[in-house]
């Protein structure tokens, strides 16, 4: 029987990161990073299934849940998110390579981490769920526009309409303080997305999390559009899980992934964007298979 979950804060610069861990610390470590506008609670069913065989770590990204919410878009730069990941691993899995799993923006972060030289040898494998690389998504749309494939570009952008709203001045405030409430968001994910809800999910902080987390978009997407900084080659094996019913992310955003990561394992899964909640058993099985395979080399 695995040890019960433990909660603790980890300090990363001026930010306090809320972390939960479960399982035997002598076993291989899996680190779970959530997306927008979620918290680590999205991983509840996955943690429960992985903890008997792994040391599992999940944390609230800065601006979400129990973590600090620094002000201004600059505080949400991908380089600072990488610092948070580094501090969490240093505190809870010192000196060990970890199996990184990201959903949505957690996957976007993960692509940055697994291609950054600073984390070479620190990440044993990377599983991204409904999380394309930011550079790949920008490249896919830009390529379609340059080749005058306007219909293709519009199909891609149609699913990502919310990004423009979150990047516009006043957009996040309008969305999370006027249009949405905790109850409305809860009904949306339960009815429209068929996501199981309970006392822990969605978190009671979802409106504040949505408002703060919009800085992920405001800081990183315009900068990537302007600079077009290419990603390096991943220094760890990559597993890509693509939900077939994802209404927010175009499947074409993943087209460059296999070229960027030779040997990438791509899996499709039926259901909506929120796979960690809708299919925790199957997702945990795939994470475990991939981690065990690469733990053994």
C-alpha atoms as a PDB file:
ATOM      1  CA  UNK A   1       0.000   0.000   0.000  1.00  0.00           C
ATOM      2  CA  UNK A   2       1.410   3.377  -1.003  1.00  0.00           C
ATOM      3  CA  UNK A   3       1.901   6.257   1.428  1.00  0.00           C
ATOM      4  CA  UNK A   4      -0.834   8.928   1.631  1.00  0.00           C
ATOM      5  CA  UNK A   5      -0.471  12.172  -0.278  1.00  0.00           C
ATOM      6  CA  UNK A   6       1.575  14.894   1.378  1.00  0.00           C
ATOM      7  CA  UNK A   7       1.261  18.622   0.736  1.00  0.00           C
ATOM      8  CA  UNK A   8       4.011  21.199   1.076  1.00  0.00           C
ATOM      9  CA  UNK A   9       5.101  24.535  -0.384  1.00  0.00           C
ATOM     10  CA  UNK A  10       8.262  24.920  -2.442  1.00  0.00           C
ATOM     11  CA  UNK A  11       9.870  28.342  -2.756  1.00  0.00           C
ATOM     12  CA  UNK A  12      10.880  29.426  -6.265  1.00  0.00           C
ATOM     13  CA  UNK A  13      12.299  32.936  -6.173  1.00  0.00           C
ATOM     14  CA  UNK A  14       9.559  35.155  -4.791  1.00  0.00           C
ATOM     15  CA  UNK A  15       6.852  32.589  -5.547  1.00  0.00           C
ATOM     16  CA  UNK A  16       5.494  29.820  -3.327  1.00  0.00           C
ATOM     17  CA  UNK A  17       4.511  26.679  -5.250  1.00  0.00           C
ATOM     18  CA  UNK A  18       1.880  24.344  -3.757  1.00  0.00           C
ATOM     19  CA  UNK A  19       3.020  20.749  -4.215  1.00  0.00           C
ATOM     20  CA  UNK A  20       1.468  17.377  -3.453  1.00  0.00           C
ATOM     21  CA  UNK A  21       3.301  14.064  -3.565  1.00  0.00           C
ATOM     22  CA  UNK A  22       2.303  10.437  -3.099  1.00  0.00           C
ATOM     23  CA  UNK A  23       3.884   7.014  -3.306  1.00  0.00           C
ATOM     24  CA  UNK A  24       7.250   5.559  -2.347  1.00  0.00           C
ATOM     25  CA  UNK A  25      10.098   8.041  -2.873  1.00  0.00           C
ATOM     26  CA  UNK A  26      12.479   5.200  -3.734  1.00  0.00           C
ATOM     27  CA  UNK A  27      10.451   4.366  -6.851  1.00  0.00           C
ATOM     28  CA  UNK A  28      10.703   6.178 -10.224  1.00  0.00           C
ATOM     29  CA  UNK A  29       9.349   9.724 -10.048  1.00  0.00           C
ATOM     30  CA  UNK A  30       6.535  11.092 -12.220  1.00  0.00           C
ATOM     31  CA  UNK A  31       5.942  14.862 -12.220  1.00  0.00           C
ATOM     32  CA  UNK A  32       2.488  16.064 -13.343  1.00  0.00           C
ATOM     33  CA  UNK A  33       1.966  19.629 -14.611  1.00  0.00           C
ATOM     34  CA  UNK A  34      -1.588  20.885 -15.200  1.00  0.00           C
ATOM     35  CA  UNK A  35      -2.946  23.267 -17.827  1.00  0.00           C
ATOM     36  CA  UNK A  36      -5.227  26.313 -17.999  1.00  0.00           C
ATOM     37  CA  UNK A  37      -7.393  27.140 -16.061  1.00  0.00           C
ATOM     38  CA  UNK A  38      -6.890  24.032 -13.957  1.00  0.00           C
ATOM     39  CA  UNK A  39      -5.017  23.109 -10.790  1.00  0.00           C
ATOM     40  CA  UNK A  40      -3.193  19.974  -9.728  1.00  0.00           C
ATOM     41  CA  UNK A  41      -6.575  18.528  -8.694  1.00  0.00           C
ATOM     42  CA  UNK A  42      -7.199  17.575 -12.329  1.00  0.00           C
ATOM     43  CA  UNK A  43      -4.706  14.747 -11.782  1.00  0.00           C
ATOM     44  CA  UNK A  44      -6.556  13.138  -8.840  1.00  0.00           C
ATOM     45  CA  UNK A  45      -7.580   9.940 -10.637  1.00  0.00           C
ATOM     46  CA  UNK A  46      -4.183   9.630 -12.342  1.00  0.00           C
ATOM     47  CA  UNK A  47      -2.275  10.063  -9.070  1.00  0.00           C
ATOM     48  CA  UNK A  48      -4.413   7.423  -7.385  1.00  0.00           C
ATOM     49  CA  UNK A  49      -3.534   4.897 -10.098  1.00  0.00           C
ATOM     50  CA  UNK A  50       0.176   5.734 -10.403  1.00  0.00           C
ATOM     51  CA  UNK A  51       1.047   6.001  -6.702  1.00  0.00           C
ATOM     52  CA  UNK A  52       1.302   2.240  -6.030  1.00  0.00           C
ATOM     53  CA  UNK A  53       4.202   1.967  -8.507  1.00  0.00           C
ATOM     54  CA  UNK A  54       5.687   5.462  -8.658  1.00  0.00           C
ATOM     55  CA  UNK A  55       6.657   8.437  -6.590  1.00  0.00           C
ATOM     56  CA  UNK A  56       4.166  10.982  -7.958  1.00  0.00           C
ATOM     57  CA  UNK A  57       4.524  14.763  -7.725  1.00  0.00           C
ATOM     58  CA  UNK A  58       1.923  17.316  -8.846  1.00  0.00           C
ATOM     59  CA  UNK A  59       2.039  21.061  -8.311  1.00  0.00           C
ATOM     60  CA  UNK A  60      -0.035  24.156  -8.892  1.00  0.00           C
ATOM     61  CA  UNK A  61       1.582  26.321 -11.549  1.00  0.00           C
ATOM     62  CA  UNK A  62       2.271  29.879 -10.411  1.00  0.00           C
ATOM     63  CA  UNK A  63      -0.982  31.849 -10.493  1.00  0.00           C
ATOM     64  CA  UNK A  64      -3.139  28.767  -9.867  1.00  0.00           C
ATOM     65  CA  UNK A  65      -4.701  27.076  -6.857  1.00  0.00           C
ATOM     66  CA  UNK A  66      -2.567  27.230  -3.744  1.00  0.00           C
ATOM     67  CA  UNK A  67       0.490  28.753  -5.432  1.00  0.00           C
ATOM     68  CA  UNK A  68       1.382  32.432  -5.381  1.00  0.00           C
ATOM     69  CA  UNK A  69      -0.012  34.648  -8.118  1.00  0.00           C
ATOM     70  CA  UNK A  70       2.627  37.223  -9.072  1.00  0.00           C
ATOM     71  CA  UNK A  71       1.412  40.316 -10.897  1.00  0.00           C
ATOM     72  CA  UNK A  72       2.006  41.127 -14.546  1.00  0.00           C
ATOM     73  CA  UNK A  73       2.590  38.999 -17.653  1.00  0.00           C
ATOM     74  CA  UNK A  74       6.386  39.089 -17.282  1.00  0.00           C
ATOM     75  CA  UNK A  75       6.128  36.936 -14.139  1.00  0.00           C
ATOM     76  CA  UNK A  76       4.675  34.108 -16.264  1.00  0.00           C
ATOM     77  CA  UNK A  77       7.511  33.811 -18.746  1.00  0.00           C
ATOM     78  CA  UNK A  78       8.346  30.254 -19.746  1.00  0.00           C
ATOM     79  CA  UNK A  79      11.848  30.692 -18.323  1.00  0.00           C
ATOM     80  CA  UNK A  80      10.366  31.369 -14.870  1.00  0.00           C
ATOM     81  CA  UNK A  81       8.019  28.393 -15.200  1.00  0.00           C
ATOM     82  CA  UNK A  82      11.140  26.337 -15.905  1.00  0.00           C
ATOM     83  CA  UNK A  83      12.673  27.683 -12.684  1.00  0.00           C
ATOM     84  CA  UNK A  84       9.577  26.498 -10.776  1.00  0.00           C
ATOM     85  CA  UNK A  85       9.869  23.017 -12.288  1.00  0.00           C
ATOM     86  CA  UNK A  86      13.550  22.928 -11.370  1.00  0.00           C
ATOM     87  CA  UNK A  87      12.879  23.926  -7.744  1.00  0.00           C
ATOM     88  CA  UNK A  88      10.088  21.346  -7.324  1.00  0.00           C
ATOM     89  CA  UNK A  89      12.325  18.571  -8.665  1.00  0.00           C
ATOM     90  CA  UNK A  90      15.305  19.732  -6.612  1.00  0.00           C
ATOM     91  CA  UNK A  91      13.254  19.668  -3.416  1.00  0.00           C
ATOM     92  CA  UNK A  92      11.279  16.460  -3.900  1.00  0.00           C
ATOM     93  CA  UNK A  93      13.413  14.374  -6.272  1.00  0.00           C
ATOM     94  CA  UNK A  94      16.987  15.595  -5.734  1.00  0.00           C
ATOM     95  CA  UNK A  95      19.539  14.183  -8.124  1.00  0.00           C
ATOM     96  CA  UNK A  96      17.036  12.003  -9.969  1.00  0.00           C
ATOM     97  CA  UNK A  97      15.737  11.976 -13.532  1.00  0.00           C
ATOM     98  CA  UNK A  98      11.948  12.351 -13.570  1.00  0.00           C
ATOM     99  CA  UNK A  99       9.204  11.320 -15.967  1.00  0.00           C
ATOM    100  CA  UNK A 100       7.469  14.561 -16.913  1.00  0.00           C
ATOM    101  CA  UNK A 101       3.763  14.605 -17.826  1.00  0.00           C
ATOM    102  CA  UNK A 102       1.972  17.773 -18.929  1.00  0.00           C
ATOM    103  CA  UNK A 103      -1.595  18.564 -19.923  1.00  0.00           C
ATOM    104  CA  UNK A 104      -2.546  21.598 -22.044  1.00  0.00           C
ATOM    105  CA  UNK A 105      -0.244  24.429 -20.869  1.00  0.00           C
ATOM    106  CA  UNK A 106       1.575  21.859 -18.770  1.00  0.00           C
ATOM    107  CA  UNK A 107       2.417  20.121 -22.048  1.00  0.00           C
ATOM    108  CA  UNK A 108       3.449  23.420 -23.642  1.00  0.00           C
ATOM    109  CA  UNK A 109       5.803  23.980 -20.713  1.00  0.00           C
ATOM    110  CA  UNK A 110       7.042  20.413 -20.993  1.00  0.00           C
ATOM    111  CA  UNK A 111       8.113  20.865 -24.611  1.00  0.00           C
ATOM    112  CA  UNK A 112      10.201  23.834 -23.506  1.00  0.00           C
ATOM    113  CA  UNK A 113      11.766  21.851 -20.649  1.00  0.00           C
ATOM    114  CA  UNK A 114      12.539  18.718 -22.670  1.00  0.00           C
ATOM    115  CA  UNK A 115      14.325  20.772 -25.340  1.00  0.00           C
ATOM    116  CA  UNK A 116      16.247  23.022 -22.926  1.00  0.00           C
ATOM    117  CA  UNK A 117      19.892  22.020 -22.378  1.00  0.00           C
ATOM    118  CA  UNK A 118      19.585  22.859 -18.669  1.00  0.00           C
ATOM    119  CA  UNK A 119      17.293  19.845 -18.170  1.00  0.00           C
ATOM    120  CA  UNK A 120      19.297  17.301 -20.182  1.00  0.00           C
ATOM    121  CA  UNK A 121      19.604  14.223 -17.975  1.00  0.00           C
ATOM    122  CA  UNK A 122      16.979  15.586 -15.584  1.00  0.00           C
ATOM    123  CA  UNK A 123      13.997  14.374 -17.649  1.00  0.00           C
ATOM    124  CA  UNK A 124      13.843  10.629 -18.311  1.00  0.00           C
ATOM    125  CA  UNK A 125      10.733  10.806 -20.510  1.00  0.00           C
ATOM    126  CA  UNK A 126       8.050  13.303 -21.478  1.00  0.00           C
ATOM    127  CA  UNK A 127       4.340  12.632 -22.015  1.00  0.00           C
ATOM    128  CA  UNK A 128       2.255  15.515 -23.318  1.00  0.00           C
ATOM    129  CA  UNK A 129      -1.543  15.313 -23.277  1.00  0.00           C
ATOM    130  CA  UNK A 130      -3.483  17.795 -25.444  1.00  0.00           C
ATOM    131  CA  UNK A 131      -0.376  19.939 -25.302  1.00  0.00           C
ATOM    132  CA  UNK A 132       1.394  20.915 -28.535  1.00  0.00           C
ATOM    133  CA  UNK A 133       4.697  22.719 -28.556  1.00  0.00           C
ATOM    134  CA  UNK A 134       4.040  26.446 -28.750  1.00  0.00           C
ATOM    135  CA  UNK A 135       6.559  26.841 -31.532  1.00  0.00           C
ATOM    136  CA  UNK A 136       4.997  24.021 -33.528  1.00  0.00           C
ATOM    137  CA  UNK A 137       1.512  25.550 -33.282  1.00  0.00           C
ATOM    138  CA  UNK A 138       2.748  28.978 -34.334  1.00  0.00           C
ATOM    139  CA  UNK A 139       4.774  27.434 -37.148  1.00  0.00           C
ATOM    140  CA  UNK A 140       1.805  25.434 -38.452  1.00  0.00           C
ATOM    141  CA  UNK A 141      -0.474  28.456 -38.707  1.00  0.00           C
ATOM    142  CA  UNK A 142       2.242  30.719 -40.104  1.00  0.00           C
ATOM    143  CA  UNK A 143       3.158  28.139 -42.731  1.00  0.00           C
ATOM    144  CA  UNK A 144      -0.457  27.878 -43.897  1.00  0.00           C
ATOM    145  CA  UNK A 145      -0.740  31.666 -44.177  1.00  0.00           C
ATOM    146  CA  UNK A 146       2.533  31.970 -46.099  1.00  0.00           C
ATOM    147  CA  UNK A 147       1.392  29.303 -48.530  1.00  0.00           C
ATOM    148  CA  UNK A 148      -1.955  31.120 -48.901  1.00  0.00           C
ATOM    149  CA  UNK A 149      -3.850  28.149 -47.534  1.00  0.00           C
ATOM    150  CA  UNK A 150      -6.280  30.515 -45.848  1.00  0.00           C
ATOM    151  CA  UNK A 151      -8.980  27.914 -45.274  1.00  0.00           C
ATOM    152  CA  UNK A 152      -6.518  25.629 -43.469  1.00  0.00           C
ATOM    153  CA  UNK A 153      -5.262  28.487 -41.309  1.00  0.00           C
ATOM    154  CA  UNK A 154      -8.799  29.558 -40.438  1.00  0.00           C
ATOM    155  CA  UNK A 155      -9.750  26.018 -39.440  1.00  0.00           C
ATOM    156  CA  UNK A 156      -6.829  25.980 -37.048  1.00  0.00           C
ATOM    157  CA  UNK A 157      -7.551  29.408 -35.644  1.00  0.00           C
ATOM    158  CA  UNK A 158     -11.263  28.686 -35.254  1.00  0.00           C
ATOM    159  CA  UNK A 159     -10.557  26.348 -32.353  1.00  0.00           C
ATOM    160  CA  UNK A 160      -8.203  28.854 -30.751  1.00  0.00           C
ATOM    161  CA  UNK A 161     -10.508  31.901 -30.777  1.00  0.00           C
ATOM    162  CA  UNK A 162     -10.243  32.230 -27.005  1.00  0.00           C
ATOM    163  CA  UNK A 163      -6.522  32.995 -27.240  1.00  0.00           C
ATOM    164  CA  UNK A 164      -7.190  36.332 -28.930  1.00  0.00           C
ATOM    165  CA  UNK A 165      -9.714  37.234 -26.233  1.00  0.00           C
ATOM    166  CA  UNK A 166      -7.262  36.433 -23.450  1.00  0.00           C
ATOM    167  CA  UNK A 167      -4.505  38.489 -25.082  1.00  0.00           C
ATOM    168  CA  UNK A 168      -6.663  41.589 -25.677  1.00  0.00           C
ATOM    169  CA  UNK A 169      -6.605  44.381 -23.056  1.00  0.00           C
ATOM    170  CA  UNK A 170      -9.367  43.701 -20.554  1.00  0.00           C
ATOM    171  CA  UNK A 171     -10.159  40.316 -22.115  1.00  0.00           C
ATOM    172  CA  UNK A 172      -9.316  38.136 -19.096  1.00  0.00           C
ATOM    173  CA  UNK A 173     -11.196  40.455 -16.734  1.00  0.00           C
ATOM    174  CA  UNK A 174     -14.276  40.395 -18.943  1.00  0.00           C
ATOM    175  CA  UNK A 175     -14.108  36.612 -19.249  1.00  0.00           C
ATOM    176  CA  UNK A 176     -13.557  35.694 -15.610  1.00  0.00           C
ATOM    177  CA  UNK A 177     -15.229  38.523 -13.700  1.00  0.00           C
ATOM    178  CA  UNK A 178     -18.207  39.272 -15.930  1.00  0.00           C
ATOM    179  CA  UNK A 179     -19.059  36.403 -18.278  1.00  0.00           C
ATOM    180  CA  UNK A 180     -17.926  33.387 -16.260  1.00  0.00           C
ATOM    181  CA  UNK A 181     -18.485  32.381 -12.657  1.00  0.00           C
ATOM    182  CA  UNK A 182     -17.395  29.264 -10.830  1.00  0.00           C
ATOM    183  CA  UNK A 183     -20.875  27.820 -11.339  1.00  0.00           C
ATOM    184  CA  UNK A 184     -20.968  28.593 -15.061  1.00  0.00           C
ATOM    185  CA  UNK A 185     -17.527  27.098 -15.635  1.00  0.00           C
ATOM    186  CA  UNK A 186     -18.514  24.030 -13.646  1.00  0.00           C
ATOM    187  CA  UNK A 187     -21.649  23.561 -15.771  1.00  0.00           C
ATOM    188  CA  UNK A 188     -19.678  24.074 -18.967  1.00  0.00           C
ATOM    189  CA  UNK A 189     -17.101  21.363 -18.260  1.00  0.00           C
ATOM    190  CA  UNK A 190     -19.740  18.987 -16.891  1.00  0.00           C
ATOM    191  CA  UNK A 191     -22.363  19.404 -19.622  1.00  0.00           C
ATOM    192  CA  UNK A 192     -20.531  20.535 -22.759  1.00  0.00           C
ATOM    193  CA  UNK A 193     -17.270  18.668 -22.164  1.00  0.00           C
ATOM    194  CA  UNK A 194     -18.688  15.738 -20.162  1.00  0.00           C
ATOM    195  CA  UNK A 195     -16.006  16.063 -17.518  1.00  0.00           C
ATOM    196  CA  UNK A 196     -16.680  14.516 -14.078  1.00  0.00           C
ATOM    197  CA  UNK A 197     -16.937  17.226 -11.416  1.00  0.00           C
ATOM    198  CA  UNK A 198     -16.808  16.894  -7.642  1.00  0.00           C
ATOM    199  CA  UNK A 199     -15.950  18.899  -4.536  1.00  0.00           C
ATOM    200  CA  UNK A 200     -12.299  19.246  -5.572  1.00  0.00           C
ATOM    201  CA  UNK A 201     -12.708  19.826  -9.324  1.00  0.00           C
ATOM    202  CA  UNK A 202     -13.068  22.392 -10.735  1.00  0.00           C
ATOM    203  CA  UNK A 203     -11.223  24.193  -7.950  1.00  0.00           C
ATOM    204  CA  UNK A 204     -13.071  26.915  -6.048  1.00  0.00           C
ATOM    205  CA  UNK A 205     -10.303  29.273  -7.225  1.00  0.00           C
ATOM    206  CA  UNK A 206     -11.043  28.736 -10.936  1.00  0.00           C
ATOM    207  CA  UNK A 207     -12.063  32.336 -11.711  1.00  0.00           C
ATOM    208  CA  UNK A 208      -8.968  33.787 -10.047  1.00  0.00           C
ATOM    209  CA  UNK A 209      -6.866  31.063 -11.665  1.00  0.00           C
ATOM    210  CA  UNK A 210      -8.308  31.923 -15.076  1.00  0.00           C
ATOM    211  CA  UNK A 211      -7.585  35.607 -14.572  1.00  0.00           C
ATOM    212  CA  UNK A 212      -4.005  35.097 -13.392  1.00  0.00           C
ATOM    213  CA  UNK A 213      -3.266  32.259 -15.800  1.00  0.00           C
ATOM    214  CA  UNK A 214      -4.220  34.401 -18.795  1.00  0.00           C
ATOM    215  CA  UNK A 215      -0.761  35.896 -18.343  1.00  0.00           C
ATOM    216  CA  UNK A 216       0.645  32.638 -19.737  1.00  0.00           C
ATOM    217  CA  UNK A 217      -0.926  33.586 -23.067  1.00  0.00           C
ATOM    218  CA  UNK A 218      -0.226  37.306 -22.822  1.00  0.00           C
ATOM    219  CA  UNK A 219       3.451  36.851 -22.083  1.00  0.00           C
ATOM    220  CA  UNK A 220       4.478  33.889 -24.197  1.00  0.00           C
ATOM    221  CA  UNK A 221       2.355  33.730 -27.345  1.00  0.00           C
ATOM    222  CA  UNK A 222       3.019  37.263 -28.700  1.00  0.00           C
ATOM    223  CA  UNK A 223       6.731  36.887 -27.971  1.00  0.00           C
ATOM    224  CA  UNK A 224       6.872  33.572 -29.812  1.00  0.00           C
ATOM    225  CA  UNK A 225       4.940  35.044 -32.752  1.00  0.00           C
ATOM    226  CA  UNK A 226       7.377  37.959 -33.018  1.00  0.00           C
ATOM    227  CA  UNK A 227      10.606  36.100 -32.335  1.00  0.00           C
ATOM    228  CA  UNK A 228       9.735  32.746 -33.868  1.00  0.00           C
ATOM    229  CA  UNK A 229      12.326  31.052 -31.653  1.00  0.00           C
ATOM    230  CA  UNK A 230      12.617  27.430 -32.830  1.00  0.00           C
ATOM    231  CA  UNK A 231      12.614  24.575 -30.349  1.00  0.00           C
ATOM    232  CA  UNK A 232      15.655  22.353 -30.066  1.00  0.00           C
ATOM    233  CA  UNK A 233      15.546  18.588 -30.385  1.00  0.00           C
ATOM    234  CA  UNK A 234      14.127  16.790 -27.319  1.00  0.00           C
ATOM    235  CA  UNK A 235      16.795  15.180 -25.148  1.00  0.00           C
ATOM    236  CA  UNK A 236      14.328  12.580 -23.801  1.00  0.00           C
ATOM    237  CA  UNK A 237      11.758  10.236 -25.395  1.00  0.00           C
ATOM    238  CA  UNK A 238       8.373  11.866 -26.117  1.00  0.00           C
ATOM    239  CA  UNK A 239       4.875  10.389 -25.941  1.00  0.00           C
ATOM    240  CA  UNK A 240       2.069  12.451 -27.460  1.00  0.00           C
ATOM    241  CA  UNK A 241      -1.558  11.840 -26.441  1.00  0.00           C
ATOM    242  CA  UNK A 242      -4.105  13.542 -28.713  1.00  0.00           C
ATOM    243  CA  UNK A 243      -7.823  13.662 -27.750  1.00  0.00           C
ATOM    244  CA  UNK A 244      -9.970  13.101 -30.838  1.00  0.00           C
ATOM    245  CA  UNK A 245     -12.764  15.347 -29.505  1.00  0.00           C
ATOM    246  CA  UNK A 246     -10.624  18.322 -28.500  1.00  0.00           C
ATOM    247  CA  UNK A 247     -12.546  21.451 -29.511  1.00  0.00           C
ATOM    248  CA  UNK A 248      -9.788  23.842 -28.402  1.00  0.00           C
ATOM    249  CA  UNK A 249      -6.634  22.567 -30.099  1.00  0.00           C
ATOM    250  CA  UNK A 250      -6.427  21.665 -33.784  1.00  0.00           C
ATOM    251  CA  UNK A 251      -4.822  18.250 -34.410  1.00  0.00           C
ATOM    252  CA  UNK A 252      -2.694  19.901 -37.105  1.00  0.00           C
ATOM    253  CA  UNK A 253      -0.797  21.720 -34.344  1.00  0.00           C
ATOM    254  CA  UNK A 254       0.940  18.390 -33.693  1.00  0.00           C
ATOM    255  CA  UNK A 255       2.097  17.862 -37.278  1.00  0.00           C
ATOM    256  CA  UNK A 256       5.645  19.049 -36.612  1.00  0.00           C
ATOM    257  CA  UNK A 257       6.071  16.957 -33.469  1.00  0.00           C
ATOM    258  CA  UNK A 258       7.292  13.786 -35.171  1.00  0.00           C
ATOM    259  CA  UNK A 259       9.790  15.727 -37.285  1.00  0.00           C
ATOM    260  CA  UNK A 260      11.088  17.460 -34.170  1.00  0.00           C
ATOM    261  CA  UNK A 261      11.165  14.297 -32.058  1.00  0.00           C
ATOM    262  CA  UNK A 262      12.172  11.218 -34.072  1.00  0.00           C
ATOM    263  CA  UNK A 263      10.802   8.071 -32.460  1.00  0.00           C
ATOM    264  CA  UNK A 264       7.915   9.960 -30.871  1.00  0.00           C
ATOM    265  CA  UNK A 265       5.053   7.711 -29.751  1.00  0.00           C
ATOM    266  CA  UNK A 266       1.718   9.216 -30.815  1.00  0.00           C
ATOM    267  CA  UNK A 267      -1.530   7.921 -29.342  1.00  0.00           C
ATOM    268  CA  UNK A 268      -5.099   9.027 -29.965  1.00  0.00           C
ATOM    269  CA  UNK A 269      -7.708   8.880 -27.251  1.00  0.00           C
ATOM    270  CA  UNK A 270     -11.456   9.321 -27.584  1.00  0.00           C
ATOM    271  CA  UNK A 271     -12.951  12.191 -25.659  1.00  0.00           C
ATOM    272  CA  UNK A 272     -12.654  15.879 -24.938  1.00  0.00           C
ATOM    273  CA  UNK A 273      -9.745  18.107 -24.026  1.00  0.00           C
ATOM    274  CA  UNK A 274      -9.774  17.146 -20.323  1.00  0.00           C
ATOM    275  CA  UNK A 275      -8.376  13.613 -20.659  1.00  0.00           C
ATOM    276  CA  UNK A 276      -6.858  13.473 -17.140  1.00  0.00           C
ATOM    277  CA  UNK A 277     -10.418  13.709 -15.771  1.00  0.00           C
ATOM    278  CA  UNK A 278     -12.329  11.751 -18.395  1.00  0.00           C
ATOM    279  CA  UNK A 279      -9.907   8.841 -18.920  1.00  0.00           C
ATOM    280  CA  UNK A 280      -7.632   8.671 -15.855  1.00  0.00           C
ATOM    281  CA  UNK A 281      -7.249   4.869 -15.924  1.00  0.00           C
ATOM    282  CA  UNK A 282      -6.150   4.628 -19.560  1.00  0.00           C
ATOM    283  CA  UNK A 283      -3.943   7.694 -19.288  1.00  0.00           C
ATOM    284  CA  UNK A 284      -2.260   6.354 -16.140  1.00  0.00           C
ATOM    285  CA  UNK A 285      -1.672   3.038 -17.931  1.00  0.00           C
ATOM    286  CA  UNK A 286       0.010   4.771 -20.873  1.00  0.00           C
ATOM    287  CA  UNK A 287       2.118   6.988 -18.599  1.00  0.00           C
ATOM    288  CA  UNK A 288       3.236   3.948 -16.605  1.00  0.00           C
ATOM    289  CA  UNK A 289       4.075   1.913 -19.725  1.00  0.00           C
ATOM    290  CA  UNK A 290       6.134   4.732 -21.208  1.00  0.00           C
ATOM    291  CA  UNK A 291       7.921   5.496 -17.948  1.00  0.00           C
ATOM    292  CA  UNK A 292       8.751   1.849 -17.230  1.00  0.00           C
ATOM    293  CA  UNK A 293      10.058   1.351 -20.776  1.00  0.00           C
ATOM    294  CA  UNK A 294      12.434   4.264 -20.486  1.00  0.00           C
ATOM    295  CA  UNK A 295      13.307   3.624 -16.854  1.00  0.00           C
ATOM    296  CA  UNK A 296      14.708   0.345 -18.162  1.00  0.00           C
ATOM    297  CA  UNK A 297      16.569   2.168 -20.918  1.00  0.00           C
END
